[in-house]
N, C-alpha and C. Protein backbone atom coordinates (compact mmCIF):
# COMPACT_ATOMS: atom_id res chain seq x y z
N MET A 1 -45.54 -62.62 7.77
CA MET A 1 -44.76 -61.70 7.25
C MET A 1 -44.25 -63.06 6.82
N SER A 2 -43.22 -63.24 5.58
CA SER A 2 -42.35 -64.77 5.37
C SER A 2 -41.44 -64.86 6.12
N LEU A 3 -40.92 -65.91 6.05
CA LEU A 3 -39.61 -65.94 6.45
C LEU A 3 -38.82 -65.45 5.43
N ALA A 4 -38.72 -65.27 3.78
CA ALA A 4 -37.68 -64.51 2.90
C ALA A 4 -37.47 -63.20 3.69
N GLU A 5 -39.14 -62.45 4.15
CA GLU A 5 -38.96 -61.24 4.27
C GLU A 5 -38.49 -60.92 5.88
N LYS A 6 -38.35 -61.77 6.63
CA LYS A 6 -37.68 -61.82 7.54
C LYS A 6 -36.28 -61.43 7.78
N LEU A 7 -35.73 -63.12 6.77
CA LEU A 7 -34.38 -62.88 6.37
C LEU A 7 -33.78 -61.61 5.81
N VAL A 8 -34.34 -60.84 4.73
CA VAL A 8 -33.88 -59.39 4.42
C VAL A 8 -33.91 -58.26 5.52
N GLU A 9 -34.64 -58.55 6.46
CA GLU A 9 -34.99 -57.46 7.61
C GLU A 9 -33.37 -57.57 7.93
N GLU A 10 -33.35 -59.05 8.47
CA GLU A 10 -31.74 -59.34 9.32
C GLU A 10 -30.48 -59.18 8.66
N LEU A 11 -30.94 -58.94 7.67
CA LEU A 11 -29.88 -58.06 6.57
C LEU A 11 -29.62 -57.19 6.46
N GLU A 12 -30.15 -56.88 5.81
CA GLU A 12 -31.50 -55.05 6.01
C GLU A 12 -29.81 -54.25 7.77
N ALA A 13 -30.65 -55.51 8.07
CA ALA A 13 -30.18 -54.38 9.83
C ALA A 13 -28.45 -55.08 10.52
N ASP A 14 -27.86 -56.27 10.55
CA ASP A 14 -27.03 -56.70 10.40
C ASP A 14 -25.83 -56.56 9.70
N GLU A 15 -24.83 -55.48 10.33
CA GLU A 15 -23.94 -55.59 8.28
C GLU A 15 -22.87 -56.28 8.46
N ARG A 16 -22.68 -57.19 9.77
CA ARG A 16 -21.95 -58.80 9.63
C ARG A 16 -22.72 -59.48 9.37
N ALA A 17 -23.05 -59.95 9.37
CA ALA A 17 -24.20 -60.77 8.99
C ALA A 17 -24.32 -61.14 7.70
N ARG A 18 -25.01 -59.51 6.98
CA ARG A 18 -24.55 -59.13 5.60
C ARG A 18 -22.69 -59.71 4.94
N LYS A 19 -22.21 -59.67 5.56
CA LYS A 19 -20.71 -59.33 5.11
C LYS A 19 -20.27 -60.89 4.80
N ARG A 20 -21.05 -61.77 5.95
CA ARG A 20 -20.93 -63.00 5.86
C ARG A 20 -22.30 -64.31 5.11
N LEU A 21 -22.20 -63.44 4.59
CA LEU A 21 -23.44 -64.20 3.58
C LEU A 21 -22.74 -63.98 2.23
N ALA A 22 -22.37 -63.41 1.94
CA ALA A 22 -21.84 -62.69 0.78
C ALA A 22 -20.64 -62.94 0.48
N LYS A 23 -19.77 -63.89 1.52
CA LYS A 23 -19.00 -63.74 1.33
C LYS A 23 -18.72 -65.97 1.25
N LEU A 24 -19.99 -66.61 1.50
CA LEU A 24 -20.54 -67.40 1.38
C LEU A 24 -21.27 -67.29 -0.29
N LEU A 25 -21.91 -66.65 -0.86
CA LEU A 25 -22.73 -66.77 -2.13
C LEU A 25 -21.82 -66.55 -3.12
N VAL A 26 -20.11 -65.48 -3.00
CA VAL A 26 -19.49 -64.99 -3.85
C VAL A 26 -18.40 -66.42 -4.52
N PRO A 27 -17.93 -67.50 -3.78
CA PRO A 27 -17.42 -68.43 -4.23
C PRO A 27 -18.45 -69.29 -5.54
N GLU A 28 -20.02 -69.70 -4.98
CA GLU A 28 -20.50 -70.35 -5.46
C GLU A 28 -21.06 -69.74 -7.17
N ALA A 29 -21.50 -68.65 -6.53
CA ALA A 29 -21.74 -67.68 -7.71
C ALA A 29 -20.70 -67.94 -9.13
N ILE A 30 -19.50 -67.77 -8.58
CA ILE A 30 -18.61 -67.62 -10.20
C ILE A 30 -18.02 -69.56 -10.40
N SER A 31 -18.78 -69.96 -9.32
CA SER A 31 -18.80 -71.05 -9.87
C SER A 31 -19.49 -71.70 -11.06
N GLU A 32 -20.51 -70.89 -10.77
CA GLU A 32 -21.78 -71.78 -12.12
C GLU A 32 -20.95 -70.82 -12.91
N PRO A 33 -21.26 -71.66 -14.42
CA PRO A 33 -21.59 -70.79 -15.38
C PRO A 33 -22.28 -69.57 -15.26
N GLU A 34 -23.10 -69.67 -15.78
CA GLU A 34 -24.41 -69.24 -15.93
C GLU A 34 -24.24 -67.63 -14.84
N LEU A 35 -24.41 -67.84 -13.62
CA LEU A 35 -24.11 -66.63 -12.50
C LEU A 35 -23.00 -65.93 -13.27
N ARG A 36 -22.10 -66.53 -13.10
CA ARG A 36 -20.27 -65.75 -13.66
C ARG A 36 -20.62 -65.05 -15.01
N LEU A 37 -21.28 -65.98 -15.72
CA LEU A 37 -21.76 -65.11 -16.72
C LEU A 37 -22.75 -63.73 -17.14
N ALA A 38 -23.49 -63.55 -15.63
CA ALA A 38 -24.13 -62.63 -15.27
C ALA A 38 -23.64 -62.05 -14.89
N ILE A 39 -22.79 -62.20 -13.88
CA ILE A 39 -22.24 -60.78 -12.85
C ILE A 39 -21.32 -59.95 -14.12
N ILE A 40 -20.49 -61.28 -15.49
CA ILE A 40 -19.67 -60.33 -15.71
C ILE A 40 -20.79 -59.68 -17.34
N ASN A 41 -20.93 -60.19 -17.34
CA ASN A 41 -21.79 -58.72 -17.70
C ASN A 41 -22.97 -57.87 -17.31
N ALA A 42 -22.94 -57.98 -16.13
CA ALA A 42 -23.39 -56.74 -15.30
C ALA A 42 -22.21 -55.99 -15.37
N VAL A 43 -21.38 -56.27 -14.86
CA VAL A 43 -19.67 -55.10 -14.38
C VAL A 43 -19.41 -54.89 -15.97
N LEU A 44 -19.67 -55.71 -17.05
CA LEU A 44 -18.81 -55.36 -18.55
C LEU A 44 -20.08 -53.81 -18.98
N ARG A 45 -20.83 -53.59 -18.65
CA ARG A 45 -21.85 -52.85 -18.36
C ARG A 45 -20.70 -51.31 -17.85
N ASP A 46 -20.53 -51.68 -17.00
CA ASP A 46 -20.10 -50.53 -16.67
C ASP A 46 -18.39 -49.88 -16.65
N VAL A 47 -18.15 -50.98 -17.40
CA VAL A 47 -16.40 -50.86 -17.84
C VAL A 47 -16.65 -50.25 -19.13
N ALA A 48 -15.44 -49.05 -19.29
CA ALA A 48 -15.14 -47.41 -19.89
C ALA A 48 -15.08 -48.79 -21.45
N THR A 49 -15.08 -48.25 -22.75
CA THR A 49 -14.19 -48.74 -23.78
C THR A 49 -13.90 -47.80 -24.33
N LYS A 50 -12.72 -48.32 -24.86
CA LYS A 50 -11.97 -47.00 -26.01
C LYS A 50 -12.54 -45.87 -26.13
N SER A 51 -13.53 -45.48 -26.94
CA SER A 51 -14.28 -44.69 -27.51
C SER A 51 -14.65 -43.99 -26.82
N ASP A 52 -15.32 -44.57 -25.01
CA ASP A 52 -15.71 -43.95 -24.11
C ASP A 52 -15.01 -42.98 -23.69
N VAL A 53 -13.61 -43.57 -23.68
CA VAL A 53 -12.33 -42.96 -23.03
C VAL A 53 -12.07 -42.05 -23.76
N ALA A 54 -11.86 -41.31 -25.16
CA ALA A 54 -12.27 -41.44 -26.47
C ALA A 54 -12.30 -39.85 -26.24
N LYS A 55 -13.94 -40.29 -25.66
CA LYS A 55 -14.88 -39.05 -26.12
C LYS A 55 -14.46 -38.27 -24.53
N VAL A 56 -14.49 -39.01 -23.37
CA VAL A 56 -14.30 -37.94 -22.27
C VAL A 56 -12.65 -37.47 -23.13
N MET A 57 -12.13 -37.73 -23.91
CA MET A 57 -10.74 -37.01 -23.50
C MET A 57 -11.22 -35.68 -24.58
N GLU A 58 -11.88 -36.13 -25.52
CA GLU A 58 -12.40 -34.67 -26.45
C GLU A 58 -12.86 -33.51 -25.57
N GLU A 59 -14.18 -34.49 -24.39
CA GLU A 59 -15.24 -33.29 -23.98
C GLU A 59 -13.90 -32.27 -23.24
N ILE A 60 -12.94 -33.52 -22.06
CA ILE A 60 -11.75 -32.55 -21.76
C ILE A 60 -10.92 -31.84 -22.35
N GLU A 61 -10.27 -32.02 -23.64
CA GLU A 61 -9.64 -31.03 -24.20
C GLU A 61 -10.53 -30.30 -24.47
N LYS A 62 -11.79 -30.14 -24.91
CA LYS A 62 -12.71 -28.92 -25.15
C LYS A 62 -12.98 -27.52 -23.94
N ILE A 63 -13.61 -28.38 -22.83
CA ILE A 63 -12.99 -27.72 -21.82
C ILE A 63 -12.11 -27.26 -21.31
N ARG A 64 -10.95 -27.82 -21.79
CA ARG A 64 -9.44 -27.06 -21.38
C ARG A 64 -9.07 -26.22 -22.38
N ARG A 65 -9.59 -25.59 -23.55
CA ARG A 65 -9.04 -25.04 -24.66
C ARG A 65 -10.28 -24.14 -24.26
N GLU A 66 -11.10 -24.38 -24.01
CA GLU A 66 -12.50 -23.10 -23.32
C GLU A 66 -11.55 -22.49 -21.93
N ASP A 67 -11.31 -23.27 -21.08
CA ASP A 67 -10.39 -22.97 -20.09
C ASP A 67 -9.52 -21.35 -20.14
N ILE A 68 -8.65 -22.40 -21.57
CA ILE A 68 -7.72 -21.61 -21.72
C ILE A 68 -7.59 -20.16 -22.43
N ARG A 69 -9.02 -20.39 -23.48
CA ARG A 69 -9.61 -19.40 -24.32
C ARG A 69 -9.86 -17.94 -23.19
N ARG A 70 -10.77 -18.34 -22.34
CA ARG A 70 -11.46 -17.34 -21.39
C ARG A 70 -10.12 -16.74 -20.42
N LEU A 71 -9.67 -17.63 -20.01
CA LEU A 71 -7.73 -17.73 -18.99
C LEU A 71 -6.62 -16.09 -19.98
N GLU A 72 -7.01 -16.27 -21.43
CA GLU A 72 -5.99 -15.56 -22.28
C GLU A 72 -7.58 -14.54 -22.19
N GLU A 73 -8.58 -14.10 -21.79
CA GLU A 73 -9.20 -12.77 -22.31
C GLU A 73 -8.91 -12.21 -20.66
N GLY A 74 -9.03 -13.07 -19.85
CA GLY A 74 -9.15 -12.35 -18.57
C GLY A 74 -7.70 -12.31 -18.62
N ILE A 75 -7.04 -12.71 -18.96
CA ILE A 75 -5.48 -11.66 -19.26
C ILE A 75 -5.02 -10.80 -19.37
N GLY A 76 -5.64 -11.10 -20.81
CA GLY A 76 -5.93 -9.82 -21.66
C GLY A 76 -6.45 -8.26 -21.11
N ALA A 77 -7.51 -8.59 -20.64
CA ALA A 77 -7.91 -7.26 -20.12
C ALA A 77 -7.68 -6.45 -18.80
N LEU A 78 -6.86 -8.53 -18.25
CA LEU A 78 -5.97 -7.21 -16.85
C LEU A 78 -4.83 -6.74 -17.31
N ARG A 79 -3.94 -7.17 -18.73
CA ARG A 79 -3.07 -6.36 -19.41
C ARG A 79 -3.23 -5.06 -19.24
N LYS A 80 -4.43 -4.95 -19.85
CA LYS A 80 -5.17 -3.90 -20.71
C LYS A 80 -5.50 -2.96 -19.55
N GLU A 81 -5.61 -2.86 -18.73
CA GLU A 81 -6.54 -2.22 -17.25
C GLU A 81 -4.55 -1.94 -16.83
N MET A 82 -3.94 -2.79 -16.20
CA MET A 82 -2.47 -2.63 -15.49
C MET A 82 -1.87 -1.76 -16.57
N TYR A 83 -1.78 -1.57 -17.86
CA TYR A 83 -1.20 -0.97 -18.91
C TYR A 83 -1.48 0.78 -18.17
N THR A 84 -3.24 0.73 -18.35
CA THR A 84 -4.08 2.17 -18.23
C THR A 84 -3.15 2.40 -16.62
N GLN A 85 -2.91 1.75 -15.82
CA GLN A 85 -2.71 2.44 -14.45
C GLN A 85 -1.76 2.92 -14.38
N ILE A 86 -0.93 2.05 -14.77
CA ILE A 86 0.45 2.43 -15.29
C ILE A 86 1.09 3.95 -16.10
N THR A 87 0.40 3.39 -16.95
CA THR A 87 0.42 4.85 -17.55
C THR A 87 -0.03 6.27 -16.61
N GLU A 88 -1.07 6.20 -16.46
CA GLU A 88 -1.65 7.04 -15.31
C GLU A 88 -1.09 7.23 -14.27
N LEU A 89 -0.10 6.58 -13.51
CA LEU A 89 0.62 6.86 -12.02
C LEU A 89 1.80 7.08 -13.09
N ARG A 90 2.83 6.91 -14.05
CA ARG A 90 4.06 7.52 -14.67
C ARG A 90 3.07 9.29 -14.74
N GLU A 91 1.81 9.46 -14.90
CA GLU A 91 1.78 10.90 -16.15
C GLU A 91 1.26 11.67 -14.29
N ARG A 92 1.26 11.12 -13.40
CA ARG A 92 0.66 11.29 -11.78
C ARG A 92 2.02 11.83 -11.27
N VAL A 93 3.26 10.85 -11.48
CA VAL A 93 4.87 10.67 -10.92
C VAL A 93 5.31 12.43 -11.98
N SER A 94 5.10 12.10 -13.13
CA SER A 94 5.68 12.80 -13.79
C SER A 94 5.02 15.05 -13.25
N LYS A 95 3.96 14.77 -13.82
CA LYS A 95 3.38 16.39 -12.68
C LYS A 95 3.82 16.21 -11.36
N LEU A 96 4.01 15.10 -10.20
CA LEU A 96 4.54 15.73 -9.10
C LEU A 96 6.28 15.81 -9.25
N GLU A 97 6.81 15.63 -10.42
CA GLU A 97 8.28 15.81 -10.29
C GLU A 97 8.43 16.70 -10.94
N GLY A 98 7.56 17.96 -12.02
CA GLY A 98 7.40 18.65 -11.95
C GLY A 98 7.00 19.70 -10.94
N ALA A 99 6.40 19.69 -10.19
CA ALA A 99 5.99 20.33 -8.62
C ALA A 99 7.31 20.31 -7.72
N PHE A 100 7.33 19.49 -8.09
CA PHE A 100 9.11 19.55 -7.02
C PHE A 100 9.97 19.71 -7.36
N THR A 101 9.99 19.94 -8.28
CA THR A 101 11.53 20.45 -9.13
C THR A 101 11.05 21.88 -8.75
N GLN A 102 9.53 22.43 -9.24
CA GLN A 102 9.13 23.81 -8.66
C GLN A 102 9.23 24.14 -7.60
N LEU A 103 9.18 24.07 -6.31
CA LEU A 103 9.19 23.53 -5.10
C LEU A 103 10.90 24.09 -5.27
N VAL A 104 11.17 22.68 -5.44
CA VAL A 104 12.94 23.33 -5.35
C VAL A 104 13.70 24.70 -5.49
N GLU A 105 13.16 25.04 -6.70
CA GLU A 105 13.86 26.46 -7.10
C GLU A 105 12.59 27.50 -6.33
N ARG A 106 11.51 27.46 -6.04
CA ARG A 106 11.31 28.54 -5.25
C ARG A 106 11.65 28.91 -3.48
N ILE A 107 12.08 27.28 -3.22
CA ILE A 107 13.06 27.33 -2.00
C ILE A 107 14.53 28.00 -2.45
N GLY A 108 14.74 27.26 -3.19
CA GLY A 108 16.43 28.55 -4.00
C GLY A 108 16.06 29.71 -3.49
N ASP A 109 15.21 30.48 -4.52
CA ASP A 109 15.05 31.41 -4.49
C ASP A 109 14.36 32.14 -2.95
N LEU A 110 14.13 31.44 -2.66
CA LEU A 110 13.74 31.58 -1.09
C LEU A 110 14.86 32.41 -0.15
N ASP A 111 15.64 31.22 -0.65
CA ASP A 111 17.14 31.09 0.61
C ASP A 111 18.26 32.29 0.04
N LYS A 112 17.89 32.48 -0.93
CA LYS A 112 18.91 33.64 -2.11
C LYS A 112 18.18 34.90 -0.95
N ARG A 113 16.88 35.01 -1.16
CA ARG A 113 16.03 36.25 -0.40
C ARG A 113 16.49 36.26 0.74
N ILE A 114 16.54 35.63 1.43
CA ILE A 114 16.71 35.58 3.12
C ILE A 114 18.12 35.67 3.30
N ASP A 115 19.18 35.35 2.63
CA ASP A 115 20.29 35.84 2.71
C ASP A 115 20.27 37.12 2.31
N GLY A 116 19.71 37.86 1.46
CA GLY A 116 19.74 39.10 1.12
C GLY A 116 19.15 39.77 1.96
N LEU A 117 18.52 39.49 2.66
CA LEU A 117 17.54 40.18 3.51
C LEU A 117 18.57 40.04 5.52
N ASP A 118 19.42 39.40 4.64
CA ASP A 118 20.82 38.63 6.46
C ASP A 118 21.70 39.76 6.01
N LYS A 119 21.90 39.83 5.04
CA LYS A 119 22.73 40.68 4.50
C LYS A 119 22.50 42.20 5.05
N ARG A 120 20.74 42.59 4.14
CA ARG A 120 20.80 44.14 5.14
C ARG A 120 20.54 44.10 6.06
N ILE A 121 19.83 43.16 6.98
CA ILE A 121 19.92 42.95 8.67
C ILE A 121 21.18 43.42 9.34
N ASP A 122 21.90 42.94 8.65
CA ASP A 122 23.85 43.19 8.96
C ASP A 122 24.04 44.65 9.11
N SER A 123 23.62 44.83 7.55
CA SER A 123 24.50 46.30 7.67
C SER A 123 23.33 47.43 8.47
N LEU A 124 21.57 46.94 8.48
CA LEU A 124 21.88 48.02 9.47
C LEU A 124 21.12 48.02 10.76
N ASP A 125 22.06 46.91 11.15
CA ASP A 125 23.19 46.69 12.98
C ASP A 125 24.13 47.52 12.46
N LYS A 126 25.34 47.24 11.44
CA LYS A 126 25.82 48.16 11.91
C LYS A 126 25.26 49.51 11.71
N ARG A 127 24.76 50.35 10.93
CA ARG A 127 24.33 51.23 11.18
C ARG A 127 23.75 51.59 12.37
N ILE A 128 22.83 50.92 13.19
CA ILE A 128 22.80 51.74 14.79
C ILE A 128 23.92 51.39 15.39
N ASP A 129 24.53 50.21 15.69
CA ASP A 129 25.46 50.07 16.32
C ASP A 129 26.73 52.02 15.92
N ALA A 130 26.42 51.89 14.26
CA ALA A 130 27.83 53.29 14.60
C ALA A 130 26.75 54.42 15.28
N LEU A 131 25.27 54.53 14.72
CA LEU A 131 24.71 55.32 15.97
C LEU A 131 24.62 55.52 17.53
N ASP A 132 24.50 54.40 17.32
CA ASP A 132 24.37 54.18 18.88
C ASP A 132 25.83 54.77 19.63
N ARG A 133 27.11 54.47 19.24
CA ARG A 133 28.38 55.32 18.94
C ARG A 133 28.21 56.91 19.74
N ARG A 134 27.44 57.49 17.88
CA ARG A 134 27.49 58.78 17.59
C ARG A 134 26.85 59.37 19.13
N ILE A 135 25.34 58.57 18.97
CA ILE A 135 24.82 59.11 20.41
C ILE A 135 25.10 59.67 21.66
N ASP A 136 25.67 58.12 21.95
CA ASP A 136 26.87 58.23 23.40
C ASP A 136 27.57 59.20 23.31
N TYR A 137 28.44 59.54 21.89
CA TYR A 137 28.96 60.63 22.13
C TYR A 137 28.74 62.00 22.22
N VAL A 138 27.24 62.25 21.33
CA VAL A 138 26.56 63.31 21.77
C VAL A 138 26.42 63.36 22.80
N THR A 139 26.38 62.57 23.88
CA THR A 139 25.25 62.43 25.35
C THR A 139 26.33 63.40 25.86
N LYS A 140 27.30 62.00 26.15
CA LYS A 140 28.83 62.79 26.64
C LYS A 140 29.30 64.54 25.77
N VAL A 141 28.79 64.75 25.25
CA VAL A 141 29.51 66.29 24.82
C VAL A 141 28.44 67.16 25.26
N SER A 142 27.16 66.48 25.34
CA SER A 142 25.69 67.65 26.10
C SER A 142 26.02 67.62 27.25
N TRP A 143 26.55 66.56 27.88
CA TRP A 143 27.06 66.81 29.64
C TRP A 143 27.49 67.53 30.02
N ALA A 144 28.46 67.77 28.93
CA ALA A 144 29.87 68.62 29.50
C ALA A 144 29.09 69.51 29.22
N LEU A 145 28.96 69.89 28.12
CA LEU A 145 28.54 71.42 27.38
C LEU A 145 27.21 72.51 28.96
N THR A 146 26.31 71.34 28.70
CA THR A 146 25.45 71.60 30.32
C THR A 146 26.53 71.69 31.65
N LEU A 147 27.01 70.94 31.53
CA LEU A 147 28.25 71.40 33.26
C LEU A 147 28.70 72.25 33.41
N SER A 148 29.32 72.70 31.64
CA SER A 148 30.75 73.91 31.21
C SER A 148 29.04 74.74 32.13
N VAL A 149 28.25 75.01 30.89
CA VAL A 149 27.16 76.29 31.12
C VAL A 149 26.79 76.44 32.87
N LEU A 150 26.81 75.66 33.31
CA LEU A 150 25.99 75.64 34.66
C LEU A 150 27.53 76.42 35.43
N ALA A 151 28.53 75.59 34.88
CA ALA A 151 29.20 75.87 35.89
C ALA A 151 29.51 77.58 36.00
N THR A 152 28.86 78.18 34.44
CA THR A 152 29.97 79.77 34.14
C THR A 152 28.06 80.27 34.73
N LEU A 153 27.32 79.74 34.86
CA LEU A 153 26.39 80.29 35.03
C LEU A 153 26.75 80.64 36.66
N ALA A 154 26.76 79.40 37.56
CA ALA A 154 26.96 79.31 39.14
C ALA A 154 28.38 80.32 39.02
N ALA A 155 30.08 80.48 38.25
CA ALA A 155 30.65 81.35 38.73
C ALA A 155 30.28 82.85 38.43
N GLN A 156 28.91 83.12 37.56
CA GLN A 156 28.63 84.42 37.24
C GLN A 156 27.29 84.67 38.62
N VAL A 157 27.09 84.11 38.69
CA VAL A 157 25.77 84.18 40.22
C VAL A 157 26.96 84.57 41.52
N LEU A 158 28.10 83.65 40.99
CA LEU A 158 28.94 84.04 42.68
C LEU A 158 29.93 85.45 42.46
N MET A 159 30.28 85.63 40.96
CA MET A 159 30.92 87.08 41.02
C MET A 159 29.92 88.00 41.24
N ARG A 160 29.25 87.86 41.39
CA ARG A 160 27.89 88.95 41.13
C ARG A 160 26.95 88.92 43.13
N MET A 161 27.43 87.76 43.45
CA MET A 161 27.14 87.66 45.25
C MET A 161 28.02 88.37 45.56
N PHE A 162 29.52 87.68 45.51
CA PHE A 162 30.42 88.36 46.21
C PHE A 162 31.32 89.83 45.90
N MET A 163 30.95 90.44 44.63
CA MET A 163 31.74 91.39 43.77
C MET A 163 30.82 92.33 43.92
N PRO A 164 30.21 92.90 43.96
CA PRO A 164 29.00 93.68 43.58
C PRO A 164 29.58 95.00 43.05
């Protein structure tokens, strides 16, 4: 292996040595007009010109317009879908409100019917109470009559036994 190849391998392996060599060579290269021109030409190839910048700006603007168009389409589709869903929800809410109103009316009707039944039950309770009082009266009269009949029978039996 030649000395140059060994030197290249050493520089590839040792970063510190590579940097030192570059620091030594750069001032020399800049002071030499031919080397300086070669470096400038190499750098200028990578420098963007106004027309390069204009092309890039045009491309960016084209991409931006395309992105805006796609976003507007997406937003339009979302608006349409949301409008459809909102319309469906409004219809459902309207149906629910109607059903709720019907339920409220039915509950009101049931309350009226229950009130009517309560009044009828109260009336029946009063009639039952009146019947209970009458039954008590009839029971008392029946006892009185039964006792008077028994007393009369006992008196008749006693009179027949003691008065022949």
